């Protein structure tokens, strides 16, 4: 199992570097507040638990990083979407509405969009 995690770690780390570069470069230009990385990623806390085997600690470190960094990216993406495109998606069966979009202008509601985004 550890080799599979190692293979998945490479694209996750690469994408993390790319997203962090975007975050640190573009957010100041758009005057958006930074998303606090440490609020989403905890890599080593579960590794301190004495009752876990070495392999379990490695899995926990991987999951703490991978799931945390994906949540971090989601917050960066949500802030970006709120800034550039505050329009809800069209309602359809099976689509899960995104929590951060509840304050967006309704799909197809031109007046609401123009009112909210007079830039």
N, C-alpha and C. Protein backbone atom coordinates (compact mmCIF):
# COMPACT_ATOMS: atom_id res chain seq x y z
N UNK A 1 0.81 -1.20 0.00
CA UNK A 1 0.00 0.00 0.00
C UNK A 1 0.86 1.27 0.00
N UNK A 2 1.97 1.26 0.71
CA UNK A 2 2.81 2.45 0.77
C UNK A 2 3.31 2.86 -0.63
N UNK A 3 3.68 1.92 -1.53
CA UNK A 3 4.09 2.36 -2.87
C UNK A 3 2.99 3.12 -3.61
N UNK A 4 1.74 2.72 -3.43
CA UNK A 4 0.63 3.43 -4.07
C UNK A 4 0.54 4.86 -3.53
N UNK A 5 0.68 5.01 -2.23
CA UNK A 5 0.65 6.35 -1.64
C UNK A 5 1.81 7.20 -2.14
N UNK A 6 2.96 6.57 -2.29
CA UNK A 6 4.12 7.30 -2.78
C UNK A 6 3.89 7.80 -4.20
N UNK A 7 3.28 6.98 -5.05
CA UNK A 7 2.99 7.39 -6.42
C UNK A 7 1.99 8.55 -6.43
N UNK A 8 0.97 8.49 -5.61
CA UNK A 8 -0.03 9.56 -5.56
C UNK A 8 0.53 10.84 -4.95
N UNK A 9 1.53 10.70 -4.12
CA UNK A 9 2.12 11.88 -3.48
C UNK A 9 2.76 12.82 -4.49
N UNK A 10 3.34 12.29 -5.54
CA UNK A 10 4.04 13.12 -6.52
C UNK A 10 3.11 14.14 -7.17
N UNK A 11 1.97 13.74 -7.77
CA UNK A 11 1.11 14.77 -8.37
C UNK A 11 0.48 15.70 -7.33
N UNK A 12 0.20 15.19 -6.14
CA UNK A 12 -0.38 16.04 -5.10
C UNK A 12 0.62 17.12 -4.68
N UNK A 13 1.86 16.75 -4.48
CA UNK A 13 2.89 17.73 -4.10
C UNK A 13 3.11 18.73 -5.23
N UNK A 14 3.16 18.25 -6.48
CA UNK A 14 3.34 19.15 -7.62
C UNK A 14 2.19 20.14 -7.71
N UNK A 15 0.96 19.65 -7.61
CA UNK A 15 -0.20 20.53 -7.68
C UNK A 15 -0.23 21.49 -6.50
N UNK A 16 0.20 21.03 -5.34
CA UNK A 16 0.27 21.90 -4.17
C UNK A 16 1.20 23.08 -4.42
N UNK A 17 2.35 22.81 -5.02
CA UNK A 17 3.29 23.88 -5.34
C UNK A 17 2.66 24.87 -6.33
N UNK A 18 1.97 24.34 -7.35
CA UNK A 18 1.33 25.21 -8.35
C UNK A 18 0.23 26.06 -7.74
N UNK A 19 -0.63 25.44 -6.92
CA UNK A 19 -1.73 26.19 -6.30
C UNK A 19 -1.18 27.22 -5.33
N UNK A 20 -0.15 26.87 -4.59
CA UNK A 20 0.43 27.83 -3.64
C UNK A 20 1.05 29.02 -4.38
N UNK A 21 1.70 28.75 -5.50
CA UNK A 21 2.24 29.85 -6.31
C UNK A 21 1.11 30.78 -6.78
N UNK A 22 0.03 30.20 -7.28
CA UNK A 22 -1.14 30.98 -7.69
C UNK A 22 -1.68 31.80 -6.51
N UNK A 23 -1.86 31.14 -5.39
CA UNK A 23 -2.43 31.77 -4.18
C UNK A 23 -1.59 32.96 -3.74
N UNK A 24 -0.29 32.77 -3.65
CA UNK A 24 0.60 33.83 -3.15
C UNK A 24 0.85 34.93 -4.18
N UNK A 25 0.63 34.64 -5.45
CA UNK A 25 0.84 35.63 -6.50
C UNK A 25 -0.43 36.41 -6.82
N UNK A 26 -1.51 35.70 -7.03
CA UNK A 26 -2.74 36.35 -7.53
C UNK A 26 -3.62 36.95 -6.44
N UNK A 27 -3.67 36.36 -5.27
CA UNK A 27 -4.54 36.90 -4.22
C UNK A 27 -4.18 38.34 -3.86
N UNK A 28 -2.90 38.67 -3.69
CA UNK A 28 -2.59 40.07 -3.40
C UNK A 28 -2.99 41.02 -4.55
N UNK A 29 -2.85 40.56 -5.78
CA UNK A 29 -3.20 41.39 -6.93
C UNK A 29 -4.70 41.69 -6.97
N UNK A 30 -5.50 40.74 -6.51
CA UNK A 30 -6.96 40.92 -6.48
C UNK A 30 -7.46 41.44 -5.13
N UNK A 31 -6.53 41.70 -4.24
CA UNK A 31 -6.84 42.16 -2.88
C UNK A 31 -7.74 41.16 -2.12
N UNK A 32 -7.46 39.89 -2.34
CA UNK A 32 -8.16 38.84 -1.61
C UNK A 32 -7.32 38.42 -0.41
N UNK A 33 -7.95 38.15 0.72
CA UNK A 33 -7.16 37.69 1.87
C UNK A 33 -6.65 36.27 1.64
N UNK A 34 -5.46 36.02 2.15
CA UNK A 34 -4.90 34.68 2.06
C UNK A 34 -5.76 33.68 2.82
N UNK A 35 -5.81 32.45 2.31
CA UNK A 35 -6.42 31.34 3.02
C UNK A 35 -5.35 30.78 3.95
N UNK A 36 -5.68 30.58 5.20
CA UNK A 36 -4.69 30.11 6.17
C UNK A 36 -4.44 28.61 5.98
N UNK A 37 -3.26 28.29 5.51
CA UNK A 37 -2.89 26.90 5.22
C UNK A 37 -2.96 26.01 6.46
N UNK A 38 -2.46 26.51 7.57
CA UNK A 38 -2.41 25.68 8.79
C UNK A 38 -3.79 25.36 9.35
N UNK A 39 -4.81 26.06 8.90
CA UNK A 39 -6.17 25.76 9.34
C UNK A 39 -6.72 24.51 8.66
N UNK A 40 -6.05 24.04 7.62
CA UNK A 40 -6.56 22.91 6.85
C UNK A 40 -5.65 21.69 6.85
N UNK A 41 -4.36 21.88 7.10
CA UNK A 41 -3.42 20.77 6.96
C UNK A 41 -2.73 20.47 8.28
N UNK A 42 -2.90 19.24 8.76
CA UNK A 42 -2.19 18.74 9.95
C UNK A 42 -1.59 17.40 9.57
N UNK A 43 -0.30 17.38 9.41
CA UNK A 43 0.36 16.17 8.91
C UNK A 43 0.79 15.25 10.04
N UNK A 44 1.30 15.81 11.12
CA UNK A 44 2.02 14.99 12.09
C UNK A 44 1.28 14.69 13.38
N UNK A 45 0.09 15.20 13.59
CA UNK A 45 -0.56 15.00 14.89
C UNK A 45 -0.90 13.54 15.16
N UNK A 46 -1.45 12.82 14.20
CA UNK A 46 -1.83 11.42 14.44
C UNK A 46 -0.61 10.51 14.48
N UNK A 47 0.49 10.95 13.89
CA UNK A 47 1.72 10.16 13.93
C UNK A 47 2.31 10.05 15.32
N UNK A 48 1.86 10.89 16.24
CA UNK A 48 2.34 10.86 17.63
C UNK A 48 1.63 9.81 18.47
N UNK A 49 0.56 9.24 17.94
CA UNK A 49 -0.21 8.26 18.71
C UNK A 49 0.57 6.96 18.85
N UNK A 50 0.81 6.57 20.08
CA UNK A 50 1.66 5.40 20.37
C UNK A 50 1.05 4.08 19.94
N UNK A 51 -0.29 4.02 19.85
CA UNK A 51 -0.95 2.75 19.55
C UNK A 51 -0.99 2.43 18.05
N UNK A 52 -0.49 3.32 17.18
CA UNK A 52 -0.46 3.06 15.75
C UNK A 52 0.86 2.41 15.36
N UNK A 53 0.77 1.48 14.39
CA UNK A 53 2.00 0.88 13.86
C UNK A 53 2.70 1.90 12.97
N UNK A 54 3.92 1.60 12.57
CA UNK A 54 4.67 2.50 11.69
C UNK A 54 3.91 2.74 10.39
N UNK A 55 3.41 1.67 9.78
CA UNK A 55 2.65 1.81 8.53
C UNK A 55 1.41 2.69 8.73
N UNK A 56 0.70 2.47 9.82
CA UNK A 56 -0.50 3.28 10.09
C UNK A 56 -0.14 4.76 10.26
N UNK A 57 0.98 5.03 10.89
CA UNK A 57 1.42 6.42 11.04
C UNK A 57 1.73 7.04 9.69
N UNK A 58 2.35 6.28 8.80
CA UNK A 58 2.64 6.77 7.44
C UNK A 58 1.33 7.06 6.72
N UNK A 59 0.37 6.14 6.81
CA UNK A 59 -0.93 6.35 6.16
C UNK A 59 -1.61 7.59 6.73
N UNK A 60 -1.54 7.76 8.02
CA UNK A 60 -2.16 8.92 8.66
C UNK A 60 -1.49 10.23 8.23
N UNK A 61 -0.18 10.21 8.09
CA UNK A 61 0.52 11.40 7.63
C UNK A 61 0.10 11.74 6.19
N UNK A 62 0.03 10.72 5.36
CA UNK A 62 -0.39 10.93 3.98
C UNK A 62 -1.82 11.49 3.93
N UNK A 63 -2.72 10.87 4.64
CA UNK A 63 -4.12 11.32 4.62
C UNK A 63 -4.27 12.72 5.22
N UNK A 64 -3.54 13.00 6.28
CA UNK A 64 -3.58 14.33 6.88
C UNK A 64 -3.14 15.40 5.90
N UNK A 65 -2.09 15.08 5.13
CA UNK A 65 -1.61 16.03 4.13
C UNK A 65 -2.56 16.08 2.93
N UNK A 66 -2.85 14.93 2.33
CA UNK A 66 -3.62 14.90 1.09
C UNK A 66 -5.03 15.47 1.27
N UNK A 67 -5.74 15.03 2.28
CA UNK A 67 -7.10 15.53 2.49
C UNK A 67 -7.09 16.98 2.94
N UNK A 68 -6.12 17.34 3.77
CA UNK A 68 -6.01 18.72 4.21
C UNK A 68 -5.68 19.67 3.08
N UNK A 69 -4.74 19.28 2.22
CA UNK A 69 -4.35 20.16 1.13
C UNK A 69 -5.47 20.29 0.11
N UNK A 70 -6.25 19.24 -0.09
CA UNK A 70 -7.39 19.33 -1.00
C UNK A 70 -8.45 20.27 -0.43
N UNK A 71 -8.68 20.23 0.86
CA UNK A 71 -9.60 21.17 1.51
C UNK A 71 -9.07 22.60 1.38
N UNK A 72 -7.79 22.77 1.54
CA UNK A 72 -7.13 24.08 1.38
C UNK A 72 -7.34 24.60 -0.05
N UNK A 73 -7.12 23.73 -1.04
CA UNK A 73 -7.33 24.13 -2.43
C UNK A 73 -8.79 24.52 -2.67
N UNK A 74 -9.70 23.78 -2.05
CA UNK A 74 -11.13 24.08 -2.20
C UNK A 74 -11.43 25.50 -1.72
N UNK A 75 -10.83 25.89 -0.60
CA UNK A 75 -11.05 27.24 -0.08
C UNK A 75 -10.46 28.30 -1.00
N UNK A 76 -9.29 28.01 -1.57
CA UNK A 76 -8.68 28.93 -2.52
C UNK A 76 -9.55 29.04 -3.77
N UNK A 77 -10.04 27.91 -4.25
CA UNK A 77 -10.93 27.90 -5.40
C UNK A 77 -12.23 28.64 -5.14
N UNK A 78 -12.79 28.45 -3.94
CA UNK A 78 -14.03 29.13 -3.58
C UNK A 78 -13.84 30.64 -3.53
N UNK A 79 -12.73 31.09 -2.97
CA UNK A 79 -12.45 32.53 -2.92
C UNK A 79 -12.26 33.09 -4.33
N UNK A 80 -11.60 32.33 -5.18
CA UNK A 80 -11.40 32.75 -6.56
C UNK A 80 -12.73 32.84 -7.29
N UNK A 81 -13.55 31.82 -7.13
CA UNK A 81 -14.86 31.80 -7.79
C UNK A 81 -15.74 32.94 -7.29
N UNK A 82 -15.70 33.21 -6.01
CA UNK A 82 -16.49 34.31 -5.45
C UNK A 82 -16.07 35.65 -6.04
N UNK A 83 -14.79 35.79 -6.28
CA UNK A 83 -14.26 37.05 -6.82
C UNK A 83 -14.60 37.22 -8.29
N UNK A 84 -14.41 36.16 -9.08
CA UNK A 84 -14.53 36.28 -10.53
C UNK A 84 -15.90 35.91 -11.08
N UNK A 85 -16.61 35.01 -10.45
CA UNK A 85 -17.83 34.49 -11.08
C UNK A 85 -18.85 34.12 -10.01
N UNK A 86 -19.50 35.09 -9.44
CA UNK A 86 -20.45 34.82 -8.36
C UNK A 86 -21.83 34.46 -8.85
N UNK A 87 -21.91 33.43 -9.69
CA UNK A 87 -23.20 32.98 -10.21
C UNK A 87 -23.38 31.52 -9.81
N UNK A 88 -24.54 31.21 -9.26
CA UNK A 88 -24.84 29.83 -8.90
C UNK A 88 -24.93 28.98 -10.17
N UNK A 89 -24.72 27.69 -10.01
CA UNK A 89 -24.90 26.77 -11.14
C UNK A 89 -26.38 26.53 -11.38
N UNK A 90 -26.71 26.12 -12.58
CA UNK A 90 -28.07 25.75 -12.90
C UNK A 90 -28.45 24.52 -12.06
N UNK A 91 -29.63 24.53 -11.53
CA UNK A 91 -30.10 23.41 -10.70
C UNK A 91 -30.35 22.19 -11.59
N UNK A 92 -29.87 21.04 -11.15
CA UNK A 92 -30.13 19.80 -11.88
C UNK A 92 -30.12 18.65 -10.89
N UNK A 93 -30.82 17.59 -11.25
CA UNK A 93 -30.91 16.42 -10.38
C UNK A 93 -29.53 15.81 -10.15
N UNK A 94 -29.24 15.52 -8.91
CA UNK A 94 -28.00 14.86 -8.55
C UNK A 94 -26.81 15.79 -8.33
N UNK A 95 -26.93 17.06 -8.74
CA UNK A 95 -25.82 17.98 -8.53
C UNK A 95 -25.87 18.51 -7.11
N UNK A 96 -24.74 18.48 -6.44
CA UNK A 96 -24.66 18.95 -5.07
C UNK A 96 -24.27 20.42 -5.09
N UNK A 97 -25.14 21.27 -4.56
CA UNK A 97 -24.83 22.70 -4.49
C UNK A 97 -23.62 22.93 -3.60
N UNK A 98 -22.76 23.81 -4.02
CA UNK A 98 -21.57 24.14 -3.24
C UNK A 98 -21.93 25.16 -2.17
N UNK A 99 -21.50 24.90 -0.97
CA UNK A 99 -21.85 25.74 0.18
C UNK A 99 -21.45 27.20 -0.04
N UNK A 100 -20.28 27.42 -0.59
CA UNK A 100 -19.79 28.80 -0.75
C UNK A 100 -20.58 29.58 -1.80
N UNK A 101 -21.41 28.91 -2.58
CA UNK A 101 -22.16 29.59 -3.64
C UNK A 101 -23.54 30.08 -3.20
N UNK A 102 -23.90 29.85 -1.95
CA UNK A 102 -25.27 30.20 -1.54
C UNK A 102 -25.54 31.70 -1.62
N UNK A 103 -24.51 32.53 -1.53
CA UNK A 103 -24.68 33.98 -1.62
C UNK A 103 -24.49 34.51 -3.04
N UNK A 104 -24.20 33.63 -3.98
CA UNK A 104 -24.00 34.04 -5.38
C UNK A 104 -25.34 34.45 -5.99
N UNK A 105 -25.26 35.17 -7.08
CA UNK A 105 -26.46 35.52 -7.84
C UNK A 105 -27.05 34.24 -8.42
N UNK A 106 -28.37 34.19 -8.48
CA UNK A 106 -29.04 33.02 -9.02
C UNK A 106 -28.73 32.82 -10.50
N UNK A 107 -28.73 31.58 -10.91
CA UNK A 107 -28.47 31.24 -12.30
C UNK A 107 -29.51 31.91 -13.20
N UNK A 108 -29.05 32.64 -14.19
CA UNK A 108 -29.95 33.31 -15.13
C UNK A 108 -30.57 34.60 -14.63
N UNK A 109 -30.19 35.04 -13.41
CA UNK A 109 -30.76 36.26 -12.84
C UNK A 109 -29.81 37.43 -13.11
N UNK A 110 -29.98 38.05 -14.26
CA UNK A 110 -29.09 39.13 -14.69
C UNK A 110 -29.12 40.31 -13.73
N UNK A 111 -30.31 40.70 -13.28
CA UNK A 111 -30.42 41.86 -12.40
C UNK A 111 -29.70 41.63 -11.08
N UNK A 112 -29.86 40.46 -10.48
CA UNK A 112 -29.18 40.15 -9.23
C UNK A 112 -27.66 40.15 -9.43
N UNK A 113 -27.22 39.58 -10.53
CA UNK A 113 -25.78 39.56 -10.81
C UNK A 113 -25.23 40.98 -10.94
N UNK A 114 -25.90 41.80 -11.71
CA UNK A 114 -25.43 43.18 -11.91
C UNK A 114 -25.44 43.96 -10.60
N UNK A 115 -26.41 43.70 -9.75
CA UNK A 115 -26.49 44.38 -8.46
C UNK A 115 -25.35 43.96 -7.53
N UNK A 116 -25.06 42.67 -7.50
CA UNK A 116 -24.03 42.15 -6.59
C UNK A 116 -22.62 42.44 -7.07
N UNK A 117 -22.45 42.54 -8.38
CA UNK A 117 -21.09 42.64 -8.92
C UNK A 117 -20.90 43.90 -9.76
N UNK A 118 -21.23 45.01 -9.19
CA UNK A 118 -20.97 46.28 -9.85
C UNK A 118 -19.51 46.64 -9.64
N UNK A 119 -18.66 46.17 -10.52
CA UNK A 119 -17.21 46.40 -10.38
C UNK A 119 -16.76 47.37 -11.44
